[in-house]
């Protein structure tokens, strides 16, 4: 009888541990959702391709500024991050919430981007979807 109680107790402990592990993994360790575009209309949907994009790299007098024109992006790789990735040598830090640009063409730390000279977006560049004829400017601050 005592042996039977031990087995029942072991089974109960095993089921409890498995249940707690499942609960911990599904509820407490959920991946954070990517930033939500706040009512950006067409920008809410990632485009398969975008055309005629201009990229400006403003090094703030550290070195000569660069300008790349008539760039086309395809295969849903059409964000402000992808245009930079296609034209420059970059160093990034990949956080769960998005990609942080640490260095562009050897100039490090302190980069912000704007689209069409508007206020800088409040989201990481790998979530900001581009549209045809956009101008992306990365500025070292």
N, C-alpha and C. Protein backbone atom coordinates (compact mmCIF):
# COMPACT_ATOMS: atom_id res chain seq x y z
N UNK A 1 0.82 -1.19 0.00
CA UNK A 1 0.00 0.00 0.00
C UNK A 1 0.86 1.26 0.00
N UNK A 2 1.94 1.23 0.79
CA UNK A 2 2.82 2.38 0.89
C UNK A 2 3.51 2.65 -0.45
N UNK A 3 3.86 1.59 -1.20
CA UNK A 3 4.49 1.72 -2.51
C UNK A 3 3.52 2.37 -3.50
N UNK A 4 2.29 2.01 -3.42
CA UNK A 4 1.26 2.55 -4.32
C UNK A 4 1.08 4.05 -4.08
N UNK A 5 1.12 4.48 -2.83
CA UNK A 5 0.98 5.91 -2.49
C UNK A 5 2.17 6.70 -3.04
N UNK A 6 3.38 6.10 -2.99
CA UNK A 6 4.56 6.76 -3.53
C UNK A 6 4.41 6.99 -5.05
N UNK A 7 3.92 5.98 -5.77
CA UNK A 7 3.73 6.12 -7.22
C UNK A 7 2.68 7.18 -7.55
N UNK A 8 1.61 7.17 -6.80
CA UNK A 8 0.56 8.18 -7.02
C UNK A 8 1.10 9.57 -6.75
N UNK A 9 1.87 9.69 -5.67
CA UNK A 9 2.47 10.98 -5.33
C UNK A 9 3.46 11.42 -6.42
N UNK A 10 4.29 10.53 -6.95
CA UNK A 10 5.23 10.86 -8.02
C UNK A 10 4.49 11.28 -9.30
N UNK A 11 3.41 10.58 -9.63
CA UNK A 11 2.62 10.94 -10.81
C UNK A 11 1.99 12.33 -10.61
N UNK A 12 1.48 12.58 -9.44
CA UNK A 12 0.88 13.89 -9.14
C UNK A 12 1.92 15.01 -9.25
N UNK A 13 3.10 14.79 -8.70
CA UNK A 13 4.18 15.79 -8.78
C UNK A 13 4.60 16.01 -10.24
N UNK A 14 4.70 14.93 -11.00
CA UNK A 14 5.08 15.04 -12.42
C UNK A 14 4.06 15.83 -13.22
N UNK A 15 2.79 15.54 -13.02
CA UNK A 15 1.73 16.27 -13.73
C UNK A 15 1.73 17.74 -13.32
N UNK A 16 1.92 18.02 -12.05
CA UNK A 16 1.97 19.40 -11.56
C UNK A 16 3.15 20.15 -12.18
N UNK A 17 4.33 19.53 -12.20
CA UNK A 17 5.51 20.18 -12.79
C UNK A 17 5.31 20.44 -14.28
N UNK A 18 4.78 19.48 -15.01
CA UNK A 18 4.52 19.66 -16.43
C UNK A 18 3.51 20.79 -16.67
N UNK A 19 2.47 20.82 -15.85
CA UNK A 19 1.46 21.87 -15.99
C UNK A 19 2.05 23.25 -15.72
N UNK A 20 2.86 23.37 -14.69
CA UNK A 20 3.50 24.64 -14.37
C UNK A 20 4.47 25.07 -15.48
N UNK A 21 5.21 24.13 -16.02
CA UNK A 21 6.13 24.42 -17.12
C UNK A 21 5.36 24.91 -18.34
N UNK A 22 4.28 24.24 -18.67
CA UNK A 22 3.45 24.65 -19.80
C UNK A 22 2.87 26.04 -19.56
N UNK A 23 2.35 26.28 -18.38
CA UNK A 23 1.78 27.58 -18.04
C UNK A 23 2.83 28.68 -18.11
N UNK A 24 4.01 28.43 -17.58
CA UNK A 24 5.10 29.40 -17.60
C UNK A 24 5.50 29.74 -19.04
N UNK A 25 5.64 28.73 -19.88
CA UNK A 25 6.06 28.96 -21.28
C UNK A 25 5.01 29.68 -22.10
N UNK A 26 3.76 29.39 -21.91
CA UNK A 26 2.73 29.97 -22.75
C UNK A 26 2.25 31.34 -22.29
N UNK A 27 2.28 31.60 -21.00
CA UNK A 27 1.74 32.86 -20.50
C UNK A 27 2.85 33.85 -20.16
N UNK A 28 3.84 33.44 -19.43
CA UNK A 28 4.83 34.37 -18.94
C UNK A 28 5.94 34.68 -19.93
N UNK A 29 6.22 33.81 -20.87
CA UNK A 29 7.31 34.04 -21.81
C UNK A 29 6.82 34.33 -23.23
N UNK A 30 5.70 34.96 -23.37
CA UNK A 30 5.20 35.29 -24.70
C UNK A 30 6.13 36.30 -25.34
N UNK A 31 6.36 36.15 -26.65
CA UNK A 31 7.17 37.12 -27.37
C UNK A 31 6.41 38.43 -27.47
N UNK A 32 7.12 39.55 -27.28
CA UNK A 32 6.43 40.83 -27.43
C UNK A 32 6.00 41.04 -28.88
N UNK A 33 4.88 41.68 -29.05
CA UNK A 33 4.41 41.95 -30.41
C UNK A 33 5.23 43.07 -31.01
N UNK A 34 5.43 43.04 -32.33
CA UNK A 34 6.17 44.13 -32.96
C UNK A 34 5.42 45.44 -32.82
N UNK A 35 6.15 46.54 -32.91
CA UNK A 35 5.46 47.84 -32.82
C UNK A 35 4.34 47.95 -33.84
N UNK A 36 3.29 48.60 -33.46
CA UNK A 36 2.13 48.74 -34.33
C UNK A 36 2.20 50.09 -35.03
N UNK A 37 2.09 50.06 -36.34
CA UNK A 37 2.02 51.31 -37.08
C UNK A 37 0.72 52.00 -36.70
N UNK A 38 0.81 53.24 -36.32
CA UNK A 38 -0.37 53.94 -35.84
C UNK A 38 -1.03 54.71 -36.97
N UNK A 39 -2.00 54.08 -37.60
CA UNK A 39 -2.82 54.71 -38.63
C UNK A 39 -1.98 55.36 -39.73
N UNK A 40 -1.08 54.57 -40.32
CA UNK A 40 -0.23 55.07 -41.39
C UNK A 40 -0.77 54.70 -42.77
N UNK A 41 -1.98 54.24 -42.85
CA UNK A 41 -2.59 53.93 -44.15
C UNK A 41 -1.83 52.86 -44.90
N UNK A 42 -1.33 53.24 -46.08
CA UNK A 42 -0.61 52.28 -46.92
C UNK A 42 0.62 51.70 -46.24
N UNK A 43 1.23 52.44 -45.36
CA UNK A 43 2.46 51.97 -44.71
C UNK A 43 2.20 50.79 -43.76
N UNK A 44 0.96 50.56 -43.40
CA UNK A 44 0.64 49.44 -42.52
C UNK A 44 0.88 48.09 -43.19
N UNK A 45 0.93 48.08 -44.52
CA UNK A 45 1.09 46.84 -45.27
C UNK A 45 2.46 46.84 -45.94
N UNK A 46 3.23 45.80 -45.67
CA UNK A 46 4.55 45.68 -46.29
C UNK A 46 4.36 45.41 -47.79
N UNK A 47 5.06 46.16 -48.60
CA UNK A 47 4.97 46.05 -50.05
C UNK A 47 5.90 44.94 -50.55
N UNK A 48 5.51 44.27 -51.64
CA UNK A 48 6.40 43.28 -52.25
C UNK A 48 7.61 43.98 -52.87
N UNK A 49 7.36 45.13 -53.49
CA UNK A 49 8.46 45.89 -54.08
C UNK A 49 8.15 47.38 -54.00
N UNK A 50 9.21 48.17 -53.91
CA UNK A 50 9.09 49.63 -53.97
C UNK A 50 10.14 50.13 -54.96
N UNK A 51 9.84 51.26 -55.60
CA UNK A 51 10.72 51.77 -56.65
C UNK A 51 11.08 53.22 -56.39
N UNK A 52 12.20 53.62 -56.99
CA UNK A 52 12.64 55.00 -57.01
C UNK A 52 12.83 55.57 -55.60
N UNK A 53 13.50 54.81 -54.75
CA UNK A 53 13.78 55.25 -53.38
C UNK A 53 15.12 56.00 -53.38
N UNK A 54 15.18 57.07 -52.60
CA UNK A 54 16.42 57.82 -52.43
C UNK A 54 16.89 57.64 -51.00
N UNK A 55 18.19 57.39 -50.86
CA UNK A 55 18.80 57.23 -49.53
C UNK A 55 19.87 58.31 -49.36
N UNK A 56 19.78 59.06 -48.28
CA UNK A 56 20.77 60.08 -47.95
C UNK A 56 21.40 59.71 -46.61
N UNK A 57 22.73 59.69 -46.58
CA UNK A 57 23.46 59.44 -45.34
C UNK A 57 24.13 60.75 -44.96
N UNK A 58 23.70 61.34 -43.84
CA UNK A 58 24.24 62.61 -43.35
C UNK A 58 25.17 62.31 -42.18
N UNK A 59 26.48 62.44 -42.43
CA UNK A 59 27.48 62.10 -41.41
C UNK A 59 27.75 63.26 -40.45
N UNK A 60 27.04 64.36 -40.57
CA UNK A 60 27.18 65.53 -39.68
C UNK A 60 28.64 65.99 -39.59
N UNK A 61 29.25 66.21 -40.74
CA UNK A 61 30.62 66.74 -40.88
C UNK A 61 31.72 65.77 -40.46
N UNK A 62 31.41 64.54 -40.12
CA UNK A 62 32.45 63.56 -39.80
C UNK A 62 33.13 63.11 -41.08
N UNK A 63 32.34 62.93 -42.13
CA UNK A 63 32.86 62.61 -43.45
C UNK A 63 31.85 63.12 -44.48
N UNK A 64 32.18 63.01 -45.74
CA UNK A 64 31.32 63.53 -46.80
C UNK A 64 30.01 62.76 -46.87
N UNK A 65 28.91 63.51 -46.94
CA UNK A 65 27.58 62.89 -47.04
C UNK A 65 27.48 62.08 -48.32
N UNK A 66 26.57 61.09 -48.31
CA UNK A 66 26.35 60.23 -49.47
C UNK A 66 24.88 60.26 -49.87
N UNK A 67 24.65 60.09 -51.17
CA UNK A 67 23.29 60.05 -51.69
C UNK A 67 23.19 58.94 -52.72
N UNK A 68 22.18 58.08 -52.54
CA UNK A 68 21.91 56.97 -53.46
C UNK A 68 20.51 57.19 -54.02
N UNK A 69 20.38 57.16 -55.34
CA UNK A 69 19.09 57.45 -55.97
C UNK A 69 18.60 56.28 -56.81
N UNK A 70 17.29 56.30 -57.08
CA UNK A 70 16.63 55.31 -57.95
C UNK A 70 16.87 53.87 -57.50
N UNK A 71 16.73 53.63 -56.22
CA UNK A 71 16.92 52.29 -55.67
C UNK A 71 15.58 51.56 -55.67
N UNK A 72 15.61 50.30 -56.07
CA UNK A 72 14.42 49.46 -56.07
C UNK A 72 14.64 48.32 -55.07
N UNK A 73 13.64 48.04 -54.27
CA UNK A 73 13.69 46.95 -53.29
C UNK A 73 12.59 45.95 -53.63
N UNK A 74 12.86 44.65 -53.42
CA UNK A 74 11.87 43.62 -53.74
C UNK A 74 11.82 42.56 -52.63
N UNK A 75 10.99 41.55 -52.87
CA UNK A 75 10.85 40.37 -51.98
C UNK A 75 10.43 40.74 -50.57
N UNK A 76 9.57 41.73 -50.44
CA UNK A 76 9.07 42.19 -49.14
C UNK A 76 10.17 42.74 -48.23
N UNK A 77 11.36 42.94 -48.76
CA UNK A 77 12.44 43.57 -48.00
C UNK A 77 12.42 45.05 -48.34
N UNK A 78 11.38 45.73 -47.86
CA UNK A 78 11.08 47.09 -48.29
C UNK A 78 10.91 48.05 -47.12
N UNK A 79 11.78 47.93 -46.13
CA UNK A 79 11.71 48.82 -44.97
C UNK A 79 12.87 49.80 -45.01
N UNK A 80 12.85 50.77 -44.09
CA UNK A 80 13.94 51.74 -43.99
C UNK A 80 15.26 51.05 -43.62
N UNK A 81 15.18 49.95 -42.95
CA UNK A 81 16.37 49.16 -42.62
C UNK A 81 16.94 48.49 -43.88
N UNK A 82 16.08 47.93 -44.71
CA UNK A 82 16.53 47.20 -45.90
C UNK A 82 17.24 48.10 -46.90
N UNK A 83 16.78 49.33 -47.06
CA UNK A 83 17.45 50.23 -48.01
C UNK A 83 18.87 50.51 -47.52
N UNK A 84 19.03 50.68 -46.23
CA UNK A 84 20.35 50.91 -45.66
C UNK A 84 21.22 49.67 -45.82
N UNK A 85 20.65 48.52 -45.58
CA UNK A 85 21.36 47.25 -45.71
C UNK A 85 21.86 47.03 -47.14
N UNK A 86 21.09 47.48 -48.13
CA UNK A 86 21.46 47.29 -49.53
C UNK A 86 22.53 48.26 -50.02
N UNK A 87 22.71 49.39 -49.36
CA UNK A 87 23.60 50.43 -49.88
C UNK A 87 24.85 50.68 -49.03
N UNK A 88 24.86 50.24 -47.79
CA UNK A 88 25.95 50.61 -46.89
C UNK A 88 26.43 49.40 -46.10
N UNK A 89 27.61 49.57 -45.49
CA UNK A 89 28.09 48.59 -44.53
C UNK A 89 27.60 49.05 -43.17
N UNK A 90 26.86 48.19 -42.50
CA UNK A 90 26.27 48.58 -41.22
C UNK A 90 26.58 47.56 -40.14
N UNK A 91 26.54 48.04 -38.91
CA UNK A 91 26.64 47.19 -37.73
C UNK A 91 25.36 47.41 -36.95
N UNK A 92 24.69 46.31 -36.60
CA UNK A 92 23.40 46.41 -35.92
C UNK A 92 23.43 45.70 -34.58
N UNK A 93 22.45 46.02 -33.76
CA UNK A 93 22.15 45.25 -32.56
C UNK A 93 20.69 44.84 -32.71
N UNK A 94 20.43 43.54 -32.69
CA UNK A 94 19.08 43.02 -32.89
C UNK A 94 18.43 42.75 -31.54
N UNK A 95 17.54 43.64 -31.15
CA UNK A 95 16.78 43.48 -29.93
C UNK A 95 15.44 42.80 -30.27
N UNK A 96 14.73 42.32 -29.27
CA UNK A 96 13.42 41.70 -29.51
C UNK A 96 12.44 42.70 -30.10
N UNK A 97 12.55 43.95 -29.73
CA UNK A 97 11.61 44.98 -30.18
C UNK A 97 11.97 45.57 -31.53
N UNK A 98 13.16 45.30 -32.05
CA UNK A 98 13.56 45.83 -33.35
C UNK A 98 15.06 45.92 -33.49
N UNK A 99 15.49 46.33 -34.67
CA UNK A 99 16.92 46.43 -34.97
C UNK A 99 17.40 47.85 -34.70
N UNK A 100 18.52 47.95 -33.98
CA UNK A 100 19.15 49.23 -33.68
C UNK A 100 20.39 49.37 -34.57
N UNK A 101 20.47 50.47 -35.32
CA UNK A 101 21.62 50.73 -36.18
C UNK A 101 22.72 51.32 -35.32
N UNK A 102 23.79 50.57 -35.17
CA UNK A 102 24.89 50.98 -34.31
C UNK A 102 25.97 51.74 -35.10
N UNK A 103 26.15 51.38 -36.38
CA UNK A 103 27.21 51.97 -37.18
C UNK A 103 26.85 51.93 -38.66
N UNK A 104 27.15 53.02 -39.37
CA UNK A 104 26.96 53.07 -40.83
C UNK A 104 28.29 53.49 -41.45
N UNK A 105 28.80 52.64 -42.33
CA UNK A 105 30.05 52.90 -43.06
C UNK A 105 31.17 53.38 -42.14
N UNK A 106 31.31 52.74 -41.01
CA UNK A 106 32.40 53.03 -40.09
C UNK A 106 32.14 54.15 -39.10
N UNK A 107 31.03 54.84 -39.22
CA UNK A 107 30.68 55.91 -38.28
C UNK A 107 29.65 55.35 -37.31
N UNK A 108 30.00 55.36 -36.01
CA UNK A 108 29.17 54.63 -35.06
C UNK A 108 28.31 55.47 -34.15
N UNK A 109 27.40 54.81 -33.53
CA UNK A 109 26.48 55.22 -32.48
C UNK A 109 25.88 56.61 -32.66
N UNK A 110 24.56 56.65 -32.67
CA UNK A 110 23.84 57.91 -32.71
C UNK A 110 23.19 58.19 -34.04
N UNK A 111 22.48 57.23 -34.61
CA UNK A 111 21.83 57.41 -35.91
C UNK A 111 20.32 57.48 -35.73
N UNK A 112 19.69 58.44 -36.41
CA UNK A 112 18.23 58.51 -36.50
C UNK A 112 17.86 58.60 -37.97
N UNK A 113 16.64 58.20 -38.27
CA UNK A 113 16.21 58.27 -39.67
C UNK A 113 14.91 59.06 -39.78
N UNK A 114 14.74 59.67 -40.94
CA UNK A 114 13.49 60.35 -41.28
C UNK A 114 13.06 59.88 -42.66
N UNK A 115 11.79 60.00 -42.91
CA UNK A 115 11.22 59.65 -44.21
C UNK A 115 10.58 60.90 -44.78
N UNK A 116 11.00 61.29 -45.97
CA UNK A 116 10.46 62.46 -46.66
C UNK A 116 10.51 63.72 -45.80
N UNK A 117 11.57 63.87 -45.02
CA UNK A 117 11.81 65.04 -44.15
C UNK A 117 10.71 65.26 -43.11
N UNK A 118 9.98 64.22 -42.74
CA UNK A 118 8.97 64.32 -41.68
C UNK A 118 9.63 64.09 -40.32
N UNK A 119 8.85 64.18 -39.28
CA UNK A 119 9.31 63.88 -37.93
C UNK A 119 9.80 62.43 -37.90
N UNK A 120 10.91 62.14 -37.19
CA UNK A 120 11.39 60.75 -37.15
C UNK A 120 10.30 59.79 -36.66
N UNK A 121 10.15 58.64 -37.33
CA UNK A 121 9.15 57.66 -36.90
C UNK A 121 9.46 57.13 -35.50
N UNK A 122 8.41 56.74 -34.80
CA UNK A 122 8.57 56.22 -33.44
C UNK A 122 8.62 54.70 -33.44
N UNK A 123 9.34 54.12 -34.40
CA UNK A 123 9.47 52.68 -34.48
C UNK A 123 10.82 52.33 -35.08
N UNK A 124 11.32 51.14 -34.80
CA UNK A 124 12.58 50.72 -35.39
C UNK A 124 12.49 50.69 -36.92
N UNK A 125 13.60 50.93 -37.56
CA UNK A 125 13.62 51.03 -39.02
C UNK A 125 13.21 49.74 -39.72
N UNK A 126 13.38 48.59 -39.08
CA UNK A 126 13.00 47.34 -39.73
C UNK A 126 11.49 47.09 -39.70
N UNK A 127 10.72 48.00 -39.07
CA UNK A 127 9.26 47.92 -39.10
C UNK A 127 8.62 49.03 -39.93
N UNK A 128 9.42 50.00 -40.39
CA UNK A 128 8.85 51.12 -41.13
C UNK A 128 8.83 50.77 -42.62
N UNK A 129 7.64 50.55 -43.17
CA UNK A 129 7.46 50.16 -44.56
C UNK A 129 7.58 51.37 -45.49
N UNK A 130 8.36 51.20 -46.55
CA UNK A 130 8.54 52.26 -47.53
C UNK A 130 7.50 52.15 -48.63
N UNK A 131 7.28 53.28 -49.29
CA UNK A 131 6.41 53.35 -50.46
C UNK A 131 7.23 53.90 -51.63
N UNK A 132 6.72 53.74 -52.84
CA UNK A 132 7.39 54.27 -54.03
C UNK A 132 7.71 55.76 -53.84
N UNK A 133 8.90 56.15 -54.31
CA UNK A 133 9.35 57.55 -54.34
C UNK A 133 9.67 58.14 -52.97
N UNK A 134 9.83 57.32 -51.95
CA UNK A 134 10.21 57.83 -50.62
C UNK A 134 11.67 58.27 -50.61
N UNK A 135 11.98 59.20 -49.72
CA UNK A 135 13.36 59.60 -49.45
C UNK A 135 13.66 59.27 -47.99
N UNK A 136 14.67 58.42 -47.80
CA UNK A 136 15.07 58.00 -46.46
C UNK A 136 16.38 58.72 -46.13
N UNK A 137 16.40 59.41 -45.00
CA UNK A 137 17.61 60.12 -44.59
C UNK A 137 18.05 59.61 -43.22
N UNK A 138 19.28 59.13 -43.16
CA UNK A 138 19.88 58.70 -41.91
C UNK A 138 20.86 59.79 -41.48
N UNK A 139 20.71 60.29 -40.26
CA UNK A 139 21.53 61.39 -39.77
C UNK A 139 22.27 60.96 -38.51
N UNK A 140 23.56 61.25 -38.49
CA UNK A 140 24.38 60.98 -37.30
C UNK A 140 24.20 62.16 -36.34
N UNK A 141 23.78 61.86 -35.13
CA UNK A 141 23.54 62.93 -34.14
C UNK A 141 24.50 62.82 -32.97
